[in-house]
Amino acid sequence: MSDQNSQLIFREAMARLGAAVNLVTTDGTAGRHGMIASAVCSVTDEPPTILVCVNRKSAANGKLKANGSLCLNILTKNHRPVTDQFCDRSLSIDERFGEADRWTTLATGSPGLRGAAVILDCRIDEISEVGTHSVFFCHVIDVRLGEKEDALIYFDRSYHSLASLNEMP
């Protein structure tokens, strides 16, 4: 797949891949930053490792590299307004983070979102540059489980709520 039409077909195919919606945050010597990400997955549980894909042109990319850590906040349907805040480029970073009592500071210094379904505090161990993106391999140093709420997923270029499996017939 090398021509522009193939790229568009690939993007359409990936839009049909439902994914959890995550808020990736970082803080440290390069400053605080946050971004919404769906290109995230577990790698292994020994040692506990996740990967996060970030566009190299993104402001978050340089901050993550310089800070060397990140927090993966797995969002619920109740966090839909948070996605709007972090996707709104007209807002400053301070405005995106909003109220201070919404956040907790983790061992790495990264901000954790109170009420997230899961908070994974991570140190970045390795970075691979692949095409337009950096792939961050992150060692999970702390896990905080929140309440089980309906998941927020991204599918077909829009947000959806995924009901708990316990509610299915």
N, C-alpha and C. Protein backbone atom coordinates (compact mmCIF):
# COMPACT_ATOMS: atom_id res chain seq x y z
N MET A 1 0.84 -1.18 0.00
CA MET A 1 0.00 0.00 0.00
C MET A 1 0.88 1.24 0.00
N SER A 2 0.94 1.92 -1.12
CA SER A 2 1.81 3.07 -1.16
C SER A 2 1.14 4.33 -1.69
N ASP A 3 0.08 4.21 -2.44
CA ASP A 3 -0.53 5.43 -2.97
C ASP A 3 -1.52 6.05 -1.97
N GLN A 4 -1.92 7.28 -2.26
CA GLN A 4 -2.80 8.01 -1.34
C GLN A 4 -4.14 7.31 -1.16
N ASN A 5 -4.68 6.70 -2.21
CA ASN A 5 -5.95 5.99 -2.10
C ASN A 5 -5.84 4.83 -1.11
N SER A 6 -4.74 4.12 -1.15
CA SER A 6 -4.52 3.02 -0.21
C SER A 6 -4.44 3.53 1.22
N GLN A 7 -3.83 4.71 1.39
CA GLN A 7 -3.74 5.30 2.73
C GLN A 7 -5.14 5.63 3.25
N LEU A 8 -6.00 6.17 2.41
CA LEU A 8 -7.37 6.49 2.81
C LEU A 8 -8.15 5.23 3.15
N ILE A 9 -7.95 4.17 2.37
CA ILE A 9 -8.63 2.91 2.64
C ILE A 9 -8.16 2.34 3.98
N PHE A 10 -6.85 2.43 4.25
CA PHE A 10 -6.32 1.94 5.51
C PHE A 10 -6.90 2.74 6.68
N ARG A 11 -6.98 4.06 6.54
CA ARG A 11 -7.56 4.89 7.61
C ARG A 11 -9.01 4.51 7.85
N GLU A 12 -9.76 4.26 6.78
CA GLU A 12 -11.16 3.85 6.95
C GLU A 12 -11.23 2.50 7.66
N ALA A 13 -10.35 1.60 7.32
CA ALA A 13 -10.32 0.29 7.98
C ALA A 13 -10.04 0.45 9.47
N MET A 14 -9.08 1.30 9.83
CA MET A 14 -8.74 1.50 11.23
C MET A 14 -9.86 2.23 11.99
N ALA A 15 -10.66 3.05 11.29
CA ALA A 15 -11.80 3.71 11.93
C ALA A 15 -12.83 2.69 12.38
N ARG A 16 -12.80 1.52 11.77
CA ARG A 16 -13.76 0.47 12.12
C ARG A 16 -13.22 -0.46 13.21
N LEU A 17 -12.09 -0.12 13.75
CA LEU A 17 -11.50 -0.88 14.86
C LEU A 17 -11.83 -0.13 16.15
N GLY A 18 -12.81 -0.64 16.89
CA GLY A 18 -13.19 -0.01 18.14
C GLY A 18 -12.05 -0.05 19.14
N ALA A 19 -11.88 1.05 19.88
CA ALA A 19 -10.78 1.12 20.84
C ALA A 19 -11.20 1.91 22.07
N ALA A 20 -10.63 1.55 23.20
CA ALA A 20 -10.85 2.30 24.43
C ALA A 20 -10.31 3.72 24.25
N VAL A 21 -10.95 4.66 24.92
CA VAL A 21 -10.50 6.05 24.89
C VAL A 21 -9.69 6.30 26.16
N ASN A 22 -8.50 6.84 25.98
CA ASN A 22 -7.56 7.04 27.07
C ASN A 22 -7.06 8.47 27.09
N LEU A 23 -6.81 8.96 28.27
CA LEU A 23 -6.15 10.25 28.44
C LEU A 23 -4.73 9.95 28.90
N VAL A 24 -3.77 10.34 28.08
CA VAL A 24 -2.35 10.15 28.40
C VAL A 24 -1.84 11.47 28.96
N THR A 25 -1.31 11.44 30.17
CA THR A 25 -0.80 12.65 30.82
C THR A 25 0.66 12.47 31.19
N THR A 26 1.34 13.59 31.35
CA THR A 26 2.74 13.58 31.77
C THR A 26 3.04 14.90 32.47
N ASP A 27 4.05 14.87 33.32
CA ASP A 27 4.54 16.09 33.95
C ASP A 27 5.98 15.82 34.35
N GLY A 28 6.77 16.86 34.36
CA GLY A 28 8.18 16.73 34.71
C GLY A 28 8.94 17.95 34.24
N THR A 29 10.21 17.78 33.94
CA THR A 29 11.07 18.91 33.56
C THR A 29 10.58 19.61 32.30
N ALA A 30 9.91 18.90 31.40
CA ALA A 30 9.40 19.51 30.16
C ALA A 30 8.02 20.12 30.35
N GLY A 31 7.43 19.93 31.53
CA GLY A 31 6.12 20.50 31.80
C GLY A 31 5.00 19.49 31.67
N ARG A 32 3.82 19.94 32.04
CA ARG A 32 2.62 19.10 32.05
C ARG A 32 1.98 19.11 30.66
N HIS A 33 1.44 17.96 30.30
CA HIS A 33 0.72 17.85 29.03
C HIS A 33 -0.25 16.68 29.11
N GLY A 34 -1.22 16.69 28.22
CA GLY A 34 -2.18 15.60 28.14
C GLY A 34 -2.76 15.50 26.75
N MET A 35 -3.11 14.30 26.37
CA MET A 35 -3.70 14.07 25.04
C MET A 35 -4.61 12.86 25.09
N ILE A 36 -5.61 12.84 24.22
CA ILE A 36 -6.50 11.69 24.09
C ILE A 36 -5.85 10.71 23.12
N ALA A 37 -5.88 9.44 23.48
CA ALA A 37 -5.26 8.41 22.63
C ALA A 37 -6.10 7.15 22.60
N SER A 38 -6.15 6.54 21.45
CA SER A 38 -6.81 5.24 21.33
C SER A 38 -5.83 4.16 20.87
N ALA A 39 -4.67 4.56 20.37
CA ALA A 39 -3.66 3.60 19.93
C ALA A 39 -2.80 3.19 21.12
N VAL A 40 -3.40 2.35 21.96
CA VAL A 40 -2.81 1.92 23.22
C VAL A 40 -3.11 0.44 23.40
N CYS A 41 -2.17 -0.33 23.90
CA CYS A 41 -2.48 -1.73 24.22
C CYS A 41 -1.47 -2.29 25.22
N SER A 42 -1.85 -3.41 25.81
CA SER A 42 -0.93 -4.10 26.71
C SER A 42 0.08 -4.85 25.85
N VAL A 43 1.28 -5.03 26.39
CA VAL A 43 2.34 -5.76 25.70
C VAL A 43 2.60 -7.07 26.42
N THR A 44 2.83 -6.98 27.73
CA THR A 44 3.12 -8.17 28.53
C THR A 44 2.81 -7.87 29.99
N ASP A 45 2.59 -8.94 30.77
CA ASP A 45 2.37 -8.72 32.20
C ASP A 45 3.61 -9.03 33.02
N GLU A 46 4.70 -9.46 32.37
CA GLU A 46 5.94 -9.78 33.08
C GLU A 46 7.13 -9.26 32.30
N PRO A 47 7.63 -8.06 32.54
CA PRO A 47 7.09 -7.10 33.49
C PRO A 47 5.86 -6.39 32.90
N PRO A 48 4.99 -5.83 33.73
CA PRO A 48 3.80 -5.17 33.21
C PRO A 48 4.20 -4.01 32.29
N THR A 49 3.79 -4.11 31.03
CA THR A 49 4.21 -3.16 30.00
C THR A 49 3.04 -2.85 29.07
N ILE A 50 2.91 -1.57 28.74
CA ILE A 50 1.93 -1.14 27.75
C ILE A 50 2.67 -0.40 26.64
N LEU A 51 1.98 -0.19 25.52
CA LEU A 51 2.53 0.69 24.50
C LEU A 51 1.52 1.75 24.16
N VAL A 52 2.03 2.92 23.82
CA VAL A 52 1.22 4.08 23.46
C VAL A 52 1.83 4.67 22.19
N CYS A 53 0.99 4.87 21.17
CA CYS A 53 1.46 5.45 19.91
C CYS A 53 1.08 6.93 19.88
N VAL A 54 2.07 7.79 19.57
CA VAL A 54 1.86 9.23 19.56
C VAL A 54 2.46 9.81 18.28
N ASN A 55 1.68 10.63 17.59
CA ASN A 55 2.17 11.28 16.37
C ASN A 55 3.40 12.12 16.71
N ARG A 56 4.42 12.03 15.87
CA ARG A 56 5.66 12.74 16.13
C ARG A 56 5.51 14.25 16.03
N LYS A 57 4.48 14.72 15.32
CA LYS A 57 4.23 16.17 15.20
C LYS A 57 3.46 16.71 16.40
N SER A 58 2.95 15.84 17.24
CA SER A 58 2.17 16.24 18.41
C SER A 58 3.06 16.92 19.44
N ALA A 59 2.52 17.96 20.09
CA ALA A 59 3.26 18.62 21.17
C ALA A 59 3.53 17.65 22.31
N ALA A 60 2.64 16.69 22.50
CA ALA A 60 2.81 15.71 23.58
C ALA A 60 4.04 14.85 23.36
N ASN A 61 4.40 14.59 22.12
CA ASN A 61 5.50 13.68 21.83
C ASN A 61 6.78 14.12 22.51
N GLY A 62 7.17 15.36 22.31
CA GLY A 62 8.40 15.87 22.91
C GLY A 62 8.35 15.92 24.43
N LYS A 63 7.19 16.26 24.96
CA LYS A 63 7.03 16.32 26.43
C LYS A 63 7.17 14.93 27.03
N LEU A 64 6.56 13.93 26.40
CA LEU A 64 6.68 12.55 26.91
C LEU A 64 8.13 12.09 26.88
N LYS A 65 8.82 12.36 25.79
CA LYS A 65 10.22 11.95 25.67
C LYS A 65 11.08 12.63 26.73
N ALA A 66 10.88 13.92 26.91
CA ALA A 66 11.70 14.66 27.88
C ALA A 66 11.38 14.28 29.33
N ASN A 67 10.10 14.06 29.62
CA ASN A 67 9.71 13.71 31.00
C ASN A 67 10.02 12.26 31.34
N GLY A 68 10.00 11.39 30.35
CA GLY A 68 10.35 9.98 30.58
C GLY A 68 9.30 9.18 31.31
N SER A 69 8.11 9.73 31.44
CA SER A 69 7.03 9.02 32.13
C SER A 69 5.69 9.46 31.58
N LEU A 70 4.67 8.64 31.88
CA LEU A 70 3.32 8.99 31.49
C LEU A 70 2.34 8.25 32.38
N CYS A 71 1.11 8.76 32.36
CA CYS A 71 0.01 8.09 33.04
C CYS A 71 -1.04 7.79 32.00
N LEU A 72 -1.51 6.56 31.98
CA LEU A 72 -2.60 6.17 31.11
C LEU A 72 -3.86 6.12 31.95
N ASN A 73 -4.78 7.04 31.66
CA ASN A 73 -6.07 7.11 32.33
C ASN A 73 -7.12 6.54 31.40
N ILE A 74 -7.69 5.40 31.74
CA ILE A 74 -8.69 4.76 30.90
C ILE A 74 -10.05 5.37 31.26
N LEU A 75 -10.71 5.96 30.25
CA LEU A 75 -11.90 6.77 30.49
C LEU A 75 -13.19 5.96 30.44
N THR A 76 -14.20 6.51 31.13
CA THR A 76 -15.54 5.93 31.12
C THR A 76 -16.47 6.87 30.35
N LYS A 77 -17.71 6.44 30.16
CA LYS A 77 -18.67 7.27 29.43
C LYS A 77 -18.87 8.63 30.11
N ASN A 78 -18.65 8.69 31.41
CA ASN A 78 -18.80 9.95 32.15
C ASN A 78 -17.71 10.96 31.84
N HIS A 79 -16.66 10.53 31.16
CA HIS A 79 -15.54 11.41 30.85
C HIS A 79 -15.61 12.03 29.46
N ARG A 80 -16.74 11.92 28.81
CA ARG A 80 -16.88 12.50 27.47
C ARG A 80 -16.50 13.98 27.46
N PRO A 81 -16.92 14.79 28.46
CA PRO A 81 -16.50 16.21 28.47
C PRO A 81 -14.98 16.37 28.58
N VAL A 82 -14.31 15.45 29.25
CA VAL A 82 -12.85 15.51 29.37
C VAL A 82 -12.21 15.35 27.99
N THR A 83 -12.77 14.47 27.17
CA THR A 83 -12.21 14.30 25.81
C THR A 83 -12.33 15.60 25.03
N ASP A 84 -13.45 16.28 25.18
CA ASP A 84 -13.63 17.56 24.48
C ASP A 84 -12.59 18.58 24.94
N GLN A 85 -12.36 18.66 26.25
CA GLN A 85 -11.37 19.60 26.78
C GLN A 85 -9.99 19.33 26.21
N PHE A 86 -9.57 18.07 26.21
CA PHE A 86 -8.21 17.76 25.78
C PHE A 86 -8.04 17.76 24.27
N CYS A 87 -9.12 17.74 23.52
CA CYS A 87 -9.04 17.83 22.06
C CYS A 87 -9.19 19.26 21.57
N ASP A 88 -9.57 20.18 22.44
CA ASP A 88 -9.80 21.57 22.06
C ASP A 88 -8.46 22.32 22.06
N ARG A 89 -7.93 22.55 20.88
CA ARG A 89 -6.62 23.21 20.76
C ARG A 89 -6.65 24.69 21.12
N SER A 90 -7.85 25.26 21.25
CA SER A 90 -7.94 26.67 21.64
C SER A 90 -7.73 26.85 23.14
N LEU A 91 -7.79 25.74 23.91
CA LEU A 91 -7.58 25.81 25.35
C LEU A 91 -6.10 25.64 25.68
N SER A 92 -5.65 26.37 26.69
CA SER A 92 -4.27 26.19 27.17
C SER A 92 -4.19 24.86 27.93
N ILE A 93 -2.98 24.43 28.21
CA ILE A 93 -2.80 23.19 28.98
C ILE A 93 -3.45 23.34 30.35
N ASP A 94 -3.28 24.49 31.00
CA ASP A 94 -3.91 24.70 32.31
C ASP A 94 -5.42 24.61 32.22
N GLU A 95 -6.00 25.16 31.16
CA GLU A 95 -7.46 25.09 30.98
C GLU A 95 -7.91 23.66 30.70
N ARG A 96 -7.10 22.90 29.98
CA ARG A 96 -7.46 21.51 29.69
C ARG A 96 -7.50 20.69 30.98
N PHE A 97 -6.54 20.93 31.84
CA PHE A 97 -6.51 20.19 33.10
C PHE A 97 -7.59 20.67 34.07
N GLY A 98 -8.00 21.94 33.95
CA GLY A 98 -9.13 22.45 34.73
C GLY A 98 -8.91 22.39 36.23
N GLU A 99 -9.95 21.96 36.93
CA GLU A 99 -9.96 21.98 38.39
C GLU A 99 -8.89 21.08 38.99
N ALA A 100 -8.13 21.63 39.93
CA ALA A 100 -7.02 20.90 40.55
C ALA A 100 -7.49 19.67 41.32
N ASP A 101 -8.70 19.72 41.91
CA ASP A 101 -9.15 18.59 42.72
C ASP A 101 -9.56 17.39 41.86
N ARG A 102 -9.55 17.54 40.56
CA ARG A 102 -9.84 16.43 39.65
C ARG A 102 -8.62 15.51 39.49
N TRP A 103 -7.45 15.97 39.93
CA TRP A 103 -6.20 15.28 39.66
C TRP A 103 -5.50 14.82 40.92
N THR A 104 -4.75 13.73 40.77
CA THR A 104 -3.85 13.27 41.81
C THR A 104 -2.47 13.14 41.19
N THR A 105 -1.43 13.42 41.96
CA THR A 105 -0.06 13.30 41.45
C THR A 105 0.46 11.92 41.79
N LEU A 106 0.96 11.23 40.77
CA LEU A 106 1.43 9.85 40.93
C LEU A 106 2.93 9.81 41.21
N ALA A 107 3.48 8.64 41.45
CA ALA A 107 4.89 8.47 41.79
C ALA A 107 5.81 9.07 40.73
N THR A 108 5.43 8.96 39.45
CA THR A 108 6.27 9.50 38.37
C THR A 108 6.14 11.01 38.25
N GLY A 109 5.16 11.58 38.94
CA GLY A 109 4.87 13.00 38.81
C GLY A 109 3.76 13.28 37.82
N SER A 110 3.35 12.27 37.09
CA SER A 110 2.27 12.43 36.11
C SER A 110 0.93 12.61 36.81
N PRO A 111 0.03 13.38 36.19
CA PRO A 111 -1.30 13.56 36.77
C PRO A 111 -2.20 12.36 36.48
N GLY A 112 -2.89 11.89 37.52
CA GLY A 112 -3.88 10.83 37.38
C GLY A 112 -5.27 11.43 37.53
N LEU A 113 -6.19 11.04 36.67
CA LEU A 113 -7.55 11.57 36.67
C LEU A 113 -8.39 10.82 37.69
N ARG A 114 -8.84 11.50 38.72
CA ARG A 114 -9.72 10.88 39.71
C ARG A 114 -11.00 10.42 39.00
N GLY A 115 -11.45 9.21 39.31
CA GLY A 115 -12.66 8.68 38.71
C GLY A 115 -12.44 7.92 37.42
N ALA A 116 -11.19 7.84 36.96
CA ALA A 116 -10.90 7.04 35.76
C ALA A 116 -11.17 5.57 36.08
N ALA A 117 -11.53 4.80 35.07
CA ALA A 117 -11.76 3.36 35.27
C ALA A 117 -10.49 2.69 35.76
N VAL A 118 -9.36 3.10 35.18
CA VAL A 118 -8.05 2.57 35.55
C VAL A 118 -7.04 3.69 35.38
N ILE A 119 -6.07 3.75 36.28
CA ILE A 119 -4.93 4.66 36.17
C ILE A 119 -3.68 3.79 36.17
N LEU A 120 -2.86 3.93 35.13
CA LEU A 120 -1.60 3.21 35.04
C LEU A 120 -0.47 4.23 35.05
N ASP A 121 0.33 4.25 36.10
CA ASP A 121 1.47 5.14 36.20
C ASP A 121 2.68 4.42 35.62
N CYS A 122 3.35 5.05 34.65
CA CYS A 122 4.38 4.33 33.87
C CYS A 122 5.66 5.14 33.67
N ARG A 123 6.75 4.40 33.59
CA ARG A 123 8.03 4.96 33.15
C ARG A 123 8.26 4.48 31.71
N ILE A 124 8.69 5.40 30.87
CA ILE A 124 8.95 5.05 29.48
C ILE A 124 10.29 4.35 29.40
N ASP A 125 10.28 3.10 28.93
CA ASP A 125 11.51 2.30 28.85
C ASP A 125 12.17 2.36 27.49
N GLU A 126 11.35 2.43 26.44
CA GLU A 126 11.88 2.32 25.08
C GLU A 126 10.96 3.08 24.13
N ILE A 127 11.54 3.64 23.08
CA ILE A 127 10.76 4.36 22.08
C ILE A 127 11.21 3.87 20.71
N SER A 128 10.25 3.48 19.89
CA SER A 128 10.53 3.10 18.50
C SER A 128 9.85 4.11 17.59
N GLU A 129 10.58 4.59 16.60
CA GLU A 129 10.01 5.52 15.63
C GLU A 129 9.53 4.70 14.44
N VAL A 130 8.22 4.75 14.17
CA VAL A 130 7.62 3.98 13.08
C VAL A 130 6.77 4.93 12.24
N GLY A 131 7.21 5.24 11.04
CA GLY A 131 6.46 6.14 10.17
C GLY A 131 6.25 7.48 10.83
N THR A 132 4.99 7.89 10.93
CA THR A 132 4.65 9.20 11.49
C THR A 132 4.56 9.21 13.01
N HIS A 133 4.72 8.05 13.64
CA HIS A 133 4.47 7.94 15.08
C HIS A 133 5.67 7.43 15.87
N SER A 134 5.69 7.80 17.13
CA SER A 134 6.60 7.21 18.11
C SER A 134 5.79 6.19 18.89
N VAL A 135 6.38 5.03 19.10
CA VAL A 135 5.73 3.99 19.89
C VAL A 135 6.48 3.94 21.22
N PHE A 136 5.77 4.31 22.29
CA PHE A 136 6.36 4.35 23.63
C PHE A 136 6.06 3.03 24.34
N PHE A 137 7.09 2.32 24.73
CA PHE A 137 6.94 1.10 25.53
C PHE A 137 7.15 1.52 26.98
N CYS A 138 6.13 1.27 27.79
CA CYS A 138 6.10 1.84 29.13
C CYS A 138 5.95 0.77 30.20
N HIS A 139 6.84 0.81 31.19
CA HIS A 139 6.80 -0.10 32.33
C HIS A 139 5.79 0.45 33.34
N VAL A 140 4.79 -0.34 33.68
CA VAL A 140 3.76 0.07 34.63
C VAL A 140 4.31 -0.10 36.04
N ILE A 141 4.37 1.01 36.78
CA ILE A 141 4.90 0.93 38.15
C ILE A 141 3.79 0.98 39.19
N ASP A 142 2.58 1.42 38.79
CA ASP A 142 1.46 1.45 39.73
C ASP A 142 0.16 1.34 38.95
N VAL A 143 -0.80 0.60 39.53
CA VAL A 143 -2.13 0.44 38.94
C VAL A 143 -3.14 0.83 39.99
N ARG A 144 -4.08 1.67 39.59
CA ARG A 144 -5.19 2.05 40.47
C ARG A 144 -6.49 1.75 39.73
N LEU A 145 -7.28 0.89 40.35
CA LEU A 145 -8.55 0.51 39.75
C LEU A 145 -9.66 1.39 40.30
N GLY A 146 -10.43 1.99 39.38
CA GLY A 146 -11.58 2.80 39.78
C GLY A 146 -12.84 1.96 39.76
N GLU A 147 -13.96 2.64 39.86
CA GLU A 147 -15.25 1.96 39.80
C GLU A 147 -15.48 1.42 38.40
N LYS A 148 -16.18 0.29 38.33
CA LYS A 148 -16.53 -0.25 37.02
C LYS A 148 -17.70 0.55 36.47
N GLU A 149 -17.42 1.29 35.43
CA GLU A 149 -18.42 2.13 34.75
C GLU A 149 -18.46 1.70 33.29
N ASP A 150 -19.48 2.14 32.58
CA ASP A 150 -19.54 1.86 31.14
C ASP A 150 -18.33 2.49 30.47
N ALA A 151 -17.68 1.70 29.62
CA ALA A 151 -16.47 2.15 28.94
C ALA A 151 -16.79 3.18 27.86
N LEU A 152 -15.84 4.07 27.63
CA LEU A 152 -15.92 5.00 26.51
C LEU A 152 -15.04 4.44 25.40
N ILE A 153 -15.63 4.22 24.24
CA ILE A 153 -14.85 3.70 23.13
C ILE A 153 -14.97 4.64 21.93
N TYR A 154 -14.01 4.53 21.03
CA TYR A 154 -14.00 5.30 19.80
C TYR A 154 -14.16 4.31 18.65
N PHE A 155 -15.21 4.51 17.86
CA PHE A 155 -15.50 3.61 16.75
C PHE A 155 -16.17 4.42 15.64
N ASP A 156 -15.74 4.20 14.42
CA ASP A 156 -16.31 4.86 13.25
C ASP A 156 -16.29 6.37 13.40
N ARG A 157 -15.16 6.88 13.91
CA ARG A 157 -14.88 8.30 14.06
C ARG A 157 -15.82 9.03 15.03
N SER A 158 -16.36 8.30 16.00
CA SER A 158 -17.16 8.96 17.04
C SER A 158 -17.09 8.15 18.33
N TYR A 159 -17.50 8.80 19.42
CA TYR A 159 -17.48 8.19 20.73
C TYR A 159 -18.75 7.40 20.99
N HIS A 160 -18.61 6.30 21.71
CA HIS A 160 -19.73 5.45 22.07
C HIS A 160 -19.52 4.95 23.49
N SER A 161 -20.61 4.57 24.12
CA SER A 161 -20.54 3.96 25.44
C SER A 161 -20.69 2.47 25.27
N LEU A 162 -19.89 1.72 25.98
CA LEU A 162 -19.95 0.27 25.94
C LEU A 162 -20.44 -0.21 27.29
N ALA A 163 -21.65 -0.74 27.32
CA ALA A 163 -22.24 -1.18 28.57
C ALA A 163 -21.46 -2.35 29.17
N SER A 164 -21.54 -2.46 30.45
CA SER A 164 -20.88 -3.54 31.16
C SER A 164 -21.37 -4.89 30.67
N LEU A 165 -20.49 -5.84 30.60
CA LEU A 165 -20.87 -7.18 30.17
C LEU A 165 -21.86 -7.82 31.13
N ASN A 166 -21.85 -7.35 32.39
CA ASN A 166 -22.79 -7.89 33.36
C ASN A 166 -24.25 -7.57 33.02
N GLU A 167 -24.44 -6.54 32.21
CA GLU A 167 -25.79 -6.12 31.87
C GLU A 167 -26.32 -6.81 30.62
N MET A 168 -25.50 -7.58 29.96
CA MET A 168 -25.93 -8.25 28.72
C MET A 168 -26.71 -9.51 29.05
N PRO A 169 -27.73 -9.81 28.22
CA PRO A 169 -28.53 -11.03 28.48
C PRO A 169 -27.74 -12.30 28.28
